[in-house]
N, C-alpha and C. Protein backbone atom coordinates (compact mmCIF):
# COMPACT_ATOMS: atom_id res chain seq x y z
N MET A 1 1.07 -1.24 0.13
CA MET A 1 0.06 0.12 -0.01
C MET A 1 0.78 1.04 -0.33
N THR A 2 1.63 1.38 0.81
CA THR A 2 2.64 2.63 0.83
C THR A 2 3.57 2.55 -0.27
N ASN A 3 3.78 1.55 -0.99
CA ASN A 3 4.56 1.83 -2.15
C ASN A 3 3.69 2.39 -3.21
N THR A 4 2.31 2.06 -3.38
CA THR A 4 1.19 2.60 -4.15
C THR A 4 1.47 4.19 -3.82
N VAL A 5 1.27 4.53 -2.67
CA VAL A 5 1.02 5.80 -2.28
C VAL A 5 2.10 6.73 -2.89
N GLU A 6 3.45 6.10 -2.64
CA GLU A 6 4.82 6.58 -2.77
C GLU A 6 4.73 6.94 -4.16
N SER A 7 4.60 5.84 -4.90
CA SER A 7 4.55 6.07 -6.38
C SER A 7 3.67 7.05 -6.95
N ILE A 8 2.38 7.24 -6.45
CA ILE A 8 1.50 8.14 -6.88
C ILE A 8 2.02 9.49 -6.67
N ASP A 9 2.60 9.69 -5.26
CA ASP A 9 3.11 10.95 -4.94
C ASP A 9 4.46 11.24 -5.95
N LYS A 10 5.32 10.53 -5.99
CA LYS A 10 6.25 10.72 -7.20
C LYS A 10 5.69 11.32 -8.54
N GLU A 11 4.77 10.56 -8.88
CA GLU A 11 4.05 10.77 -10.13
C GLU A 11 3.67 12.34 -10.19
N ILE A 12 2.89 12.58 -9.20
CA ILE A 12 2.24 13.80 -8.97
C ILE A 12 3.53 15.20 -9.02
N GLU A 13 4.36 14.78 -8.23
CA GLU A 13 5.51 15.67 -8.25
C GLU A 13 6.37 15.79 -9.50
N LYS A 14 6.35 14.74 -9.96
CA LYS A 14 6.99 14.77 -11.57
C LYS A 14 6.10 15.59 -12.41
N LEU A 15 4.58 15.56 -12.40
CA LEU A 15 3.65 16.17 -13.22
C LEU A 15 3.60 17.75 -12.85
N LYS A 16 3.89 18.02 -11.44
CA LYS A 16 3.91 19.48 -11.09
C LYS A 16 5.13 19.99 -11.70
N LYS A 17 6.34 19.35 -11.66
CA LYS A 17 7.43 20.18 -12.32
C LYS A 17 7.55 20.48 -14.06
N GLU A 18 6.79 19.45 -14.46
CA GLU A 18 6.48 19.52 -16.14
C GLU A 18 5.59 20.70 -16.20
N MET A 19 4.64 21.01 -15.29
CA MET A 19 3.48 21.86 -15.68
C MET A 19 4.41 23.12 -15.47
N ASN A 20 5.49 23.45 -14.73
CA ASN A 20 6.13 24.62 -14.47
C ASN A 20 6.87 24.88 -15.75
N THR A 21 7.23 24.26 -16.59
CA THR A 21 8.15 24.16 -17.69
C THR A 21 7.12 24.34 -18.96
N VAL A 22 5.75 24.14 -19.01
CA VAL A 22 4.86 24.25 -20.20
C VAL A 22 4.89 25.34 -20.73
N GLU A 23 5.30 25.53 -22.25
CA GLU A 23 5.22 26.78 -22.91
C GLU A 23 4.39 26.70 -23.75
N GLY A 24 3.54 27.95 -23.98
CA GLY A 24 2.18 28.03 -24.70
C GLY A 24 2.48 28.60 -26.02
N CYS A 25 1.64 28.62 -27.00
CA CYS A 25 1.72 29.32 -28.08
C CYS A 25 0.60 30.50 -28.30
N GLU A 26 0.82 31.61 -29.26
CA GLU A 26 -0.35 32.42 -29.43
C GLU A 26 -1.36 31.52 -30.08
N THR A 27 -2.57 31.92 -29.31
CA THR A 27 -3.72 31.34 -29.78
C THR A 27 -4.78 32.36 -30.59
N GLU A 28 -5.01 31.84 -31.96
CA GLU A 28 -5.97 32.67 -32.57
C GLU A 28 -7.53 32.86 -32.08
N VAL A 29 -7.91 33.97 -31.95
CA VAL A 29 -9.29 34.30 -31.28
C VAL A 29 -10.19 34.70 -32.32
N TYR A 30 -11.34 33.99 -32.57
CA TYR A 30 -12.39 34.60 -33.43
C TYR A 30 -13.55 34.95 -32.63
N SER A 31 -14.03 36.02 -33.15
CA SER A 31 -15.47 36.56 -32.55
C SER A 31 -16.25 36.98 -33.62
N ARG A 32 -17.53 37.04 -33.17
CA ARG A 32 -18.41 37.68 -34.12
C ARG A 32 -18.30 39.55 -34.12
N ILE A 33 -18.15 39.88 -35.59
CA ILE A 33 -18.32 41.42 -35.65
C ILE A 33 -19.15 41.49 -36.89
N VAL A 34 -20.08 42.50 -36.76
CA VAL A 34 -20.79 43.04 -37.81
C VAL A 34 -21.52 41.92 -38.76
N GLY A 35 -21.98 40.84 -37.73
CA GLY A 35 -22.76 39.53 -38.38
C GLY A 35 -21.94 38.43 -38.92
N TYR A 36 -20.93 38.39 -38.76
CA TYR A 36 -19.91 37.23 -39.28
C TYR A 36 -18.65 37.19 -38.38
N TYR A 37 -18.05 35.96 -38.44
CA TYR A 37 -16.95 35.88 -37.43
C TYR A 37 -15.61 36.02 -38.23
N ARG A 38 -14.63 36.66 -37.18
CA ARG A 38 -13.40 37.12 -37.95
C ARG A 38 -12.32 36.99 -36.87
N SER A 39 -11.22 36.82 -37.14
CA SER A 39 -10.07 36.94 -36.44
C SER A 39 -9.96 38.31 -35.62
N VAL A 40 -10.02 38.26 -34.06
CA VAL A 40 -9.91 39.45 -33.45
C VAL A 40 -8.58 40.42 -33.94
N ARG A 41 -7.51 39.60 -34.00
CA ARG A 41 -6.21 40.22 -34.42
C ARG A 41 -6.38 41.16 -35.56
N ASN A 42 -7.39 40.93 -36.57
CA ASN A 42 -7.60 41.49 -37.65
C ASN A 42 -8.54 42.91 -37.46
N TRP A 43 -9.25 43.04 -36.26
CA TRP A 43 -10.00 43.94 -36.15
C TRP A 43 -9.33 45.52 -36.00
N ASN A 44 -10.08 46.35 -36.43
CA ASN A 44 -9.29 47.89 -36.02
C ASN A 44 -9.31 47.99 -34.77
N LEU A 45 -8.33 49.23 -34.09
CA LEU A 45 -8.17 49.08 -32.64
C LEU A 45 -9.60 49.48 -31.86
N GLY A 46 -10.53 50.08 -32.52
CA GLY A 46 -11.82 50.43 -31.96
C GLY A 46 -12.58 49.15 -31.61
N LYS A 47 -12.58 48.27 -32.47
CA LYS A 47 -13.31 47.20 -32.27
C LYS A 47 -12.56 46.31 -31.20
N GLN A 48 -11.28 46.15 -31.35
CA GLN A 48 -10.44 45.33 -30.44
C GLN A 48 -10.52 45.88 -28.98
N GLY A 49 -11.01 47.28 -28.82
CA GLY A 49 -11.02 48.02 -27.29
C GLY A 49 -12.50 47.48 -27.03
N GLU A 50 -13.67 47.47 -27.94
CA GLU A 50 -14.71 47.15 -27.53
C GLU A 50 -14.83 45.38 -27.09
N TYR A 51 -13.90 44.69 -27.93
CA TYR A 51 -13.96 43.43 -27.46
C TYR A 51 -13.21 43.11 -26.11
N GLN A 52 -12.28 43.89 -25.69
CA GLN A 52 -11.76 43.87 -24.42
C GLN A 52 -12.69 44.07 -23.36
N ASP A 53 -13.84 45.28 -23.50
CA ASP A 53 -14.81 45.45 -22.56
C ASP A 53 -15.84 44.49 -22.54
N ARG A 54 -15.98 43.44 -23.28
CA ARG A 54 -17.17 42.75 -23.36
C ARG A 54 -17.14 41.81 -21.94
N VAL A 55 -18.41 41.42 -21.43
CA VAL A 55 -18.40 40.61 -20.39
C VAL A 55 -19.25 39.35 -20.66
N THR A 56 -18.89 38.27 -20.46
CA THR A 56 -19.21 37.06 -20.78
C THR A 56 -19.87 36.26 -19.49
N PHE A 57 -21.17 36.38 -19.48
CA PHE A 57 -21.75 35.73 -18.39
C PHE A 57 -21.95 34.29 -18.32
N SER A 58 -21.84 33.62 -19.38
CA SER A 58 -22.04 32.18 -19.52
C SER A 58 -20.93 31.57 -18.72
N LYS A 59 -19.81 32.38 -18.43
CA LYS A 59 -18.82 31.92 -17.40
C LYS A 59 -19.09 31.88 -15.83
N LEU A 60 -20.21 32.56 -15.49
CA LEU A 60 -20.77 32.42 -14.28
C LEU A 60 -21.63 31.19 -13.99
N ASN A 61 -21.76 30.53 -12.74
CA ASN A 61 -22.60 29.68 -12.48
C ASN A 61 -24.01 30.23 -12.13
N GLY A 62 -25.05 29.41 -12.17
CA GLY A 62 -26.57 30.03 -12.08
C GLY A 62 -26.58 30.81 -10.84
N ARG A 63 -25.98 30.53 -9.74
CA ARG A 63 -26.01 31.38 -8.57
C ARG A 63 -25.33 32.77 -8.81
N GLY A 64 -24.28 32.83 -9.41
CA GLY A 64 -23.61 33.89 -9.82
C GLY A 64 -24.60 34.79 -10.62
N LEU A 65 -25.31 34.25 -11.55
CA LEU A 65 -26.26 34.96 -12.58
C LEU A 65 -27.23 35.66 -11.81
N LYS A 66 -27.88 34.87 -11.02
CA LYS A 66 -28.97 35.26 -9.95
C LYS A 66 -28.37 36.35 -9.11
N LYS A 67 -27.16 36.29 -8.57
CA LYS A 67 -26.87 37.50 -7.66
C LYS A 67 -26.50 38.76 -8.64
N LEU A 68 -26.08 38.53 -9.90
CA LEU A 68 -25.81 39.71 -10.64
C LEU A 68 -27.20 40.40 -10.99
N ILE A 69 -28.22 39.56 -11.21
CA ILE A 69 -29.34 40.11 -11.53
C ILE A 69 -30.05 40.86 -10.35
N LYS A 70 -30.11 40.35 -9.34
CA LYS A 70 -30.48 40.88 -8.01
C LYS A 70 -30.07 42.36 -7.78
N GLU A 71 -28.60 42.21 -8.15
CA GLU A 71 -27.68 43.40 -7.67
C GLU A 71 -28.31 44.55 -8.73
N ASN A 72 -28.57 44.07 -10.04
CA ASN A 72 -28.96 45.41 -11.02
C ASN A 72 -30.26 45.65 -10.88
N LEU A 73 -31.20 44.89 -10.00
CA LEU A 73 -32.44 45.78 -9.70
C LEU A 73 -32.56 47.00 -9.48
N SER A 74 -33.53 47.81 -9.62
CA SER A 74 -33.65 49.04 -9.52
C SER A 74 -33.74 49.12 -7.92
N LYS A 75 -33.09 50.10 -7.24
CA LYS A 75 -32.90 50.31 -5.67
C LYS A 75 -34.56 50.61 -5.17
N ASP A 76 -35.09 51.17 -6.03
CA ASP A 76 -36.42 51.75 -5.31
C ASP A 76 -37.65 50.68 -5.19
N GLN A 77 -37.15 49.24 -5.55
CA GLN A 77 -38.20 48.30 -5.61
C GLN A 77 -38.43 47.99 -4.17
N ASP A 78 -39.69 47.28 -3.72
CA ASP A 78 -39.62 46.93 -2.29
C ASP A 78 -38.85 45.62 -2.25
N SER A 79 -38.80 45.03 -1.09
CA SER A 79 -37.88 43.96 -0.78
C SER A 79 -38.42 42.41 -1.17
N GLU A 80 -39.88 42.80 -1.62
CA GLU A 80 -40.59 41.31 -1.70
C GLU A 80 -40.34 41.24 -3.19
N ALA A 81 -40.38 41.96 -3.82
CA ALA A 81 -39.92 41.92 -5.59
C ALA A 81 -38.48 41.55 -5.42
N LYS A 82 -37.50 42.04 -4.61
CA LYS A 82 -36.02 41.50 -5.11
C LYS A 82 -36.08 40.12 -4.50
N ASN A 83 -36.77 39.53 -3.59
CA ASN A 83 -36.66 38.24 -3.14
C ASN A 83 -37.24 37.16 -4.40
N ASP A 84 -37.89 37.46 -5.25
CA ASP A 84 -38.40 36.81 -6.17
C ASP A 84 -37.38 36.98 -7.53
N ASP A 85 -36.99 35.74 -7.97
CA ASP A 85 -36.17 35.59 -9.04
C ASP A 85 -36.98 36.07 -10.37
N PHE A 86 -37.85 35.12 -10.59
CA PHE A 86 -38.54 35.55 -11.85
C PHE A 86 -39.81 35.35 -11.78
N TRP A 87 -40.68 36.23 -12.76
CA TRP A 87 -42.25 36.04 -12.62
C TRP A 87 -42.56 35.55 -13.72
N SER A 88 -42.30 36.28 -14.97
CA SER A 88 -42.47 35.92 -16.16
C SER A 88 -41.48 35.80 -17.20
N TYR A 89 -41.75 35.54 -18.38
CA TYR A 89 -40.99 35.75 -19.61
C TYR A 89 -41.57 35.88 -20.93
N SER A 90 -40.93 36.75 -21.80
CA SER A 90 -41.38 36.44 -23.21
C SER A 90 -40.29 36.03 -24.19
N PHE A 91 -40.61 35.05 -25.26
CA PHE A 91 -39.63 34.45 -25.97
C PHE A 91 -39.97 34.91 -27.18
N PHE A 92 -38.74 35.18 -27.88
CA PHE A 92 -39.19 36.07 -29.16
C PHE A 92 -38.19 34.83 -30.10
N TYR A 93 -39.01 34.32 -31.31
CA TYR A 93 -38.14 33.40 -32.30
C TYR A 93 -38.75 33.43 -33.61
N ARG A 94 -38.00 32.70 -34.51
CA ARG A 94 -38.11 32.69 -35.82
C ARG A 94 -38.51 31.36 -36.24
N ASN A 95 -39.28 31.06 -37.35
CA ASN A 95 -39.26 29.67 -37.96
C ASN A 95 -38.16 29.15 -38.54
N THR A 96 -37.38 30.02 -39.16
CA THR A 96 -36.06 29.69 -39.77
C THR A 96 -34.70 29.75 -38.95
N CYS A 97 -34.94 30.07 -37.64
CA CYS A 97 -33.70 30.07 -36.73
C CYS A 97 -33.30 29.02 -36.33
N PRO A 98 -31.91 28.76 -36.68
CA PRO A 98 -31.43 27.35 -36.21
C PRO A 98 -31.03 27.40 -34.82
N ASN A 99 -31.00 28.69 -33.91
CA ASN A 99 -30.67 28.53 -32.51
C ASN A 99 -32.11 28.43 -31.65
N CYS A 100 -33.22 28.57 -32.37
CA CYS A 100 -34.64 28.65 -31.63
C CYS A 100 -34.85 27.49 -31.18
N PRO A 101 -34.68 26.19 -31.65
CA PRO A 101 -35.14 24.93 -31.10
C PRO A 101 -34.41 24.82 -29.63
N PRO A 102 -33.27 24.68 -29.66
CA PRO A 102 -32.66 24.59 -28.34
C PRO A 102 -33.03 25.62 -27.25
N MET A 103 -33.39 26.76 -27.60
CA MET A 103 -33.88 27.90 -26.54
C MET A 103 -35.22 27.21 -26.20
N LYS A 104 -36.19 26.67 -27.17
CA LYS A 104 -37.42 26.26 -26.83
C LYS A 104 -37.34 24.63 -25.98
N GLU A 105 -36.20 24.37 -26.10
CA GLU A 105 -36.16 22.87 -25.27
C GLU A 105 -35.85 23.46 -23.90
N VAL A 106 -35.18 24.45 -23.75
CA VAL A 106 -34.61 24.91 -22.37
C VAL A 106 -35.92 25.28 -21.76
N LEU A 107 -36.65 26.22 -22.39
CA LEU A 107 -38.14 26.74 -22.08
C LEU A 107 -39.09 26.03 -21.71
N LYS A 108 -39.30 24.63 -22.22
CA LYS A 108 -40.36 24.03 -22.14
C LYS A 108 -40.83 23.70 -20.78
N ASN A 109 -39.88 23.38 -19.80
CA ASN A 109 -40.29 23.00 -18.64
C ASN A 109 -40.15 24.23 -17.52
N VAL A 110 -40.02 25.39 -17.93
CA VAL A 110 -39.96 26.28 -16.94
C VAL A 110 -41.54 26.74 -16.70
N ASN A 111 -41.76 26.70 -15.41
CA ASN A 111 -42.91 27.02 -14.77
C ASN A 111 -43.31 28.45 -14.47
N LEU A 112 -43.46 29.32 -15.57
CA LEU A 112 -43.43 30.74 -15.17
C LEU A 112 -44.49 31.30 -16.34
N LYS A 113 -45.23 32.34 -15.95
CA LYS A 113 -45.95 32.79 -16.87
C LYS A 113 -45.36 33.16 -18.04
N SER A 114 -45.61 32.80 -19.44
CA SER A 114 -44.92 33.12 -20.40
C SER A 114 -46.02 33.58 -21.58
N GLN A 115 -45.09 34.29 -22.82
CA GLN A 115 -45.75 34.47 -24.05
C GLN A 115 -44.47 34.17 -25.15
N SER A 116 -44.93 33.87 -26.09
CA SER A 116 -44.03 33.54 -27.09
C SER A 116 -44.33 34.40 -28.34
N PHE A 117 -43.47 34.91 -29.18
CA PHE A 117 -43.77 35.94 -30.30
C PHE A 117 -42.60 35.26 -31.52
N ASN A 118 -43.58 35.03 -32.51
CA ASN A 118 -42.81 34.82 -33.66
C ASN A 118 -42.64 35.99 -34.62
N VAL A 119 -41.12 36.52 -34.56
CA VAL A 119 -40.99 37.82 -35.12
C VAL A 119 -41.18 37.84 -36.43
N ASP A 120 -41.58 36.56 -37.22
CA ASP A 120 -41.93 36.70 -38.65
C ASP A 120 -43.18 36.95 -38.97
N THR A 121 -44.17 37.35 -37.82
CA THR A 121 -45.17 37.78 -38.15
C THR A 121 -45.53 39.22 -37.62
N PRO A 122 -46.47 40.00 -38.23
CA PRO A 122 -46.31 41.43 -37.77
C PRO A 122 -46.73 41.83 -36.47
N ASN A 123 -47.44 40.84 -35.49
CA ASN A 123 -47.60 41.09 -34.13
C ASN A 123 -46.33 40.94 -33.54
N GLY A 124 -45.47 39.53 -33.75
CA GLY A 124 -44.24 39.26 -33.18
C GLY A 124 -43.37 40.41 -33.25
N MET A 125 -43.23 41.06 -34.59
CA MET A 125 -42.34 41.91 -34.92
C MET A 125 -42.54 43.36 -34.18
N GLU A 126 -43.91 43.60 -34.07
CA GLU A 126 -44.22 44.67 -33.24
C GLU A 126 -43.98 44.68 -31.76
N GLU A 127 -44.18 43.42 -31.15
CA GLU A 127 -43.56 43.11 -29.71
C GLU A 127 -42.18 43.15 -29.66
N ALA A 128 -41.31 42.62 -30.59
CA ALA A 128 -40.16 42.64 -30.49
C ALA A 128 -39.57 44.06 -30.43
N SER A 129 -39.94 44.95 -31.33
CA SER A 129 -39.79 46.38 -31.39
C SER A 129 -39.97 47.05 -29.95
N LYS A 130 -41.10 46.74 -29.29
CA LYS A 130 -41.00 47.20 -28.13
C LYS A 130 -40.23 47.04 -27.22
N PHE A 131 -39.48 45.98 -27.23
CA PHE A 131 -38.04 45.62 -26.49
C PHE A 131 -37.17 45.58 -26.92
N ASN A 132 -36.74 46.33 -28.10
CA ASN A 132 -35.54 46.70 -28.74
C ASN A 132 -34.81 45.31 -29.05
N ILE A 133 -35.67 44.30 -29.65
CA ILE A 133 -35.18 42.98 -29.80
C ILE A 133 -34.62 43.03 -31.31
N PHE A 134 -33.56 42.73 -31.59
CA PHE A 134 -33.03 42.52 -32.85
C PHE A 134 -32.46 41.21 -33.45
N SER A 135 -32.65 40.45 -32.62
CA SER A 135 -32.24 39.00 -32.97
C SER A 135 -32.88 37.88 -32.32
N ALA A 136 -33.10 36.83 -33.03
CA ALA A 136 -33.77 35.49 -32.57
C ALA A 136 -32.53 34.30 -32.50
N PRO A 137 -32.98 33.54 -31.31
CA PRO A 137 -34.00 33.57 -30.05
C PRO A 137 -33.61 34.88 -29.21
N THR A 138 -34.54 35.43 -28.57
CA THR A 138 -34.24 36.23 -27.22
C THR A 138 -35.52 35.70 -26.35
N VAL A 139 -35.15 35.60 -25.33
CA VAL A 139 -36.03 35.23 -23.88
C VAL A 139 -35.65 36.33 -23.10
N VAL A 140 -36.76 37.08 -22.49
CA VAL A 140 -36.67 38.41 -21.60
C VAL A 140 -37.52 37.99 -20.33
N PHE A 141 -36.63 38.02 -19.20
CA PHE A 141 -37.14 37.68 -17.87
C PHE A 141 -37.75 38.76 -17.19
N PHE A 142 -38.94 38.81 -16.57
CA PHE A 142 -39.58 39.97 -15.95
C PHE A 142 -39.64 39.51 -14.49
N ASP A 143 -39.69 40.62 -13.53
CA ASP A 143 -40.00 40.28 -12.32
C ASP A 143 -41.53 40.39 -11.87
N ARG A 144 -41.91 40.39 -10.77
CA ARG A 144 -43.41 40.54 -10.31
C ARG A 144 -44.15 41.88 -10.81
N ASN A 145 -43.36 42.74 -11.13
CA ASN A 145 -43.72 44.17 -11.27
C ASN A 145 -43.61 44.47 -12.76
N GLY A 146 -43.22 43.40 -13.58
CA GLY A 146 -43.02 43.75 -15.01
C GLY A 146 -42.02 44.36 -15.46
N THR A 147 -40.89 44.54 -14.66
CA THR A 147 -39.55 45.02 -15.15
C THR A 147 -38.62 44.09 -15.50
N GLU A 148 -38.00 44.34 -16.48
CA GLU A 148 -37.08 43.44 -16.99
C GLU A 148 -35.62 43.33 -16.06
N ILE A 149 -35.52 42.06 -15.99
CA ILE A 149 -34.47 41.57 -15.27
C ILE A 149 -33.25 40.97 -15.76
N TYR A 150 -33.59 40.24 -16.97
CA TYR A 150 -32.29 39.63 -17.46
C TYR A 150 -32.95 39.40 -18.86
N ARG A 151 -32.08 39.28 -20.06
CA ARG A 151 -32.27 38.91 -21.40
C ARG A 151 -31.23 38.18 -21.82
N SER A 152 -31.52 37.14 -22.66
CA SER A 152 -30.36 36.49 -23.36
C SER A 152 -30.81 35.58 -24.66
N GLY A 153 -29.99 35.52 -25.47
CA GLY A 153 -30.19 34.79 -26.91
C GLY A 153 -29.56 33.56 -26.75
N LYS A 154 -28.93 33.16 -25.69
CA LYS A 154 -28.17 31.72 -25.81
C LYS A 154 -28.70 30.78 -25.10
N ALA A 155 -29.06 29.59 -25.27
CA ALA A 155 -29.81 28.63 -24.62
C ALA A 155 -28.87 28.18 -23.27
N GLU A 156 -27.65 28.21 -23.66
CA GLU A 156 -26.70 27.54 -22.47
C GLU A 156 -26.86 28.52 -21.36
N GLU A 157 -26.81 29.89 -21.60
CA GLU A 157 -26.75 30.77 -20.53
C GLU A 157 -28.30 30.68 -19.71
N VAL A 158 -29.38 30.59 -20.48
CA VAL A 158 -30.80 30.42 -19.90
C VAL A 158 -30.86 29.22 -18.97
N SER A 159 -30.13 28.21 -19.65
CA SER A 159 -30.23 26.77 -19.06
C SER A 159 -29.29 27.05 -17.74
N THR A 160 -28.11 27.49 -17.74
CA THR A 160 -27.46 27.76 -16.35
C THR A 160 -27.97 28.65 -15.56
N LEU A 161 -28.91 29.68 -15.98
CA LEU A 161 -29.44 30.59 -15.01
C LEU A 161 -30.56 29.67 -14.14
N LEU A 162 -31.41 29.00 -15.15
CA LEU A 162 -32.60 28.16 -14.40
C LEU A 162 -32.13 27.26 -13.64
N GLY A 163 -30.84 26.60 -13.71
CA GLY A 163 -30.24 25.54 -12.72
C GLY A 163 -30.66 24.26 -13.79
N GLN A 164 -30.54 24.30 -14.84
CA GLN A 164 -30.71 22.99 -15.68
C GLN A 164 -29.64 22.77 -16.13
N PRO A 165 -29.60 21.45 -16.56
CA PRO A 165 -28.10 20.49 -16.90
C PRO A 165 -27.35 21.45 -18.06
N ALA A 166 -26.37 21.75 -17.94
CA ALA A 166 -25.47 22.47 -19.05
C ALA A 166 -25.43 21.99 -20.41
N ALA A 167 -25.63 21.05 -20.80
CA ALA A 167 -25.55 20.16 -22.08
C ALA A 167 -26.79 20.44 -22.96
N ILE A 168 -26.57 21.36 -24.12
CA ILE A 168 -27.65 21.62 -24.87
C ILE A 168 -27.29 20.87 -26.13
N ALA A 169 -28.17 20.48 -26.75
CA ALA A 169 -27.95 19.76 -28.19
C ALA A 169 -28.11 20.86 -29.05
């Protein structure tokens, strides 16, 4: 038994030493700009600056997202409203959207008051314009008072926020 433990400890020490000497190489980063993906290295300085200022919420766990949302609620709301995470949501989608089915899958078991709007229809487009929604899918969550507290167009973010399993097909 001690031989096994000693050999494991030696292996761990060896791996730790190797980790200290690992050298990386420059990574090419692609991100979306003006509707398509492009290497960040090729962006102009202004766009590169905007990229550095971006905040990626999907790196937070569900509890972190809920805390962030609660912190951003306006200060004049009563404490009862602050204790409720979500009261309702509106879902905006298109029939031809490849990202809408995963979002529908995430939302199908959510027990909140909800409305769905197909932005391919005049009524759906009118509702989307009221909320300044320019892409599908988008889901907007509201508190008890009807105040928007969170919006996202990514199924993974909404899944994490709602405490669902992270794997989205």
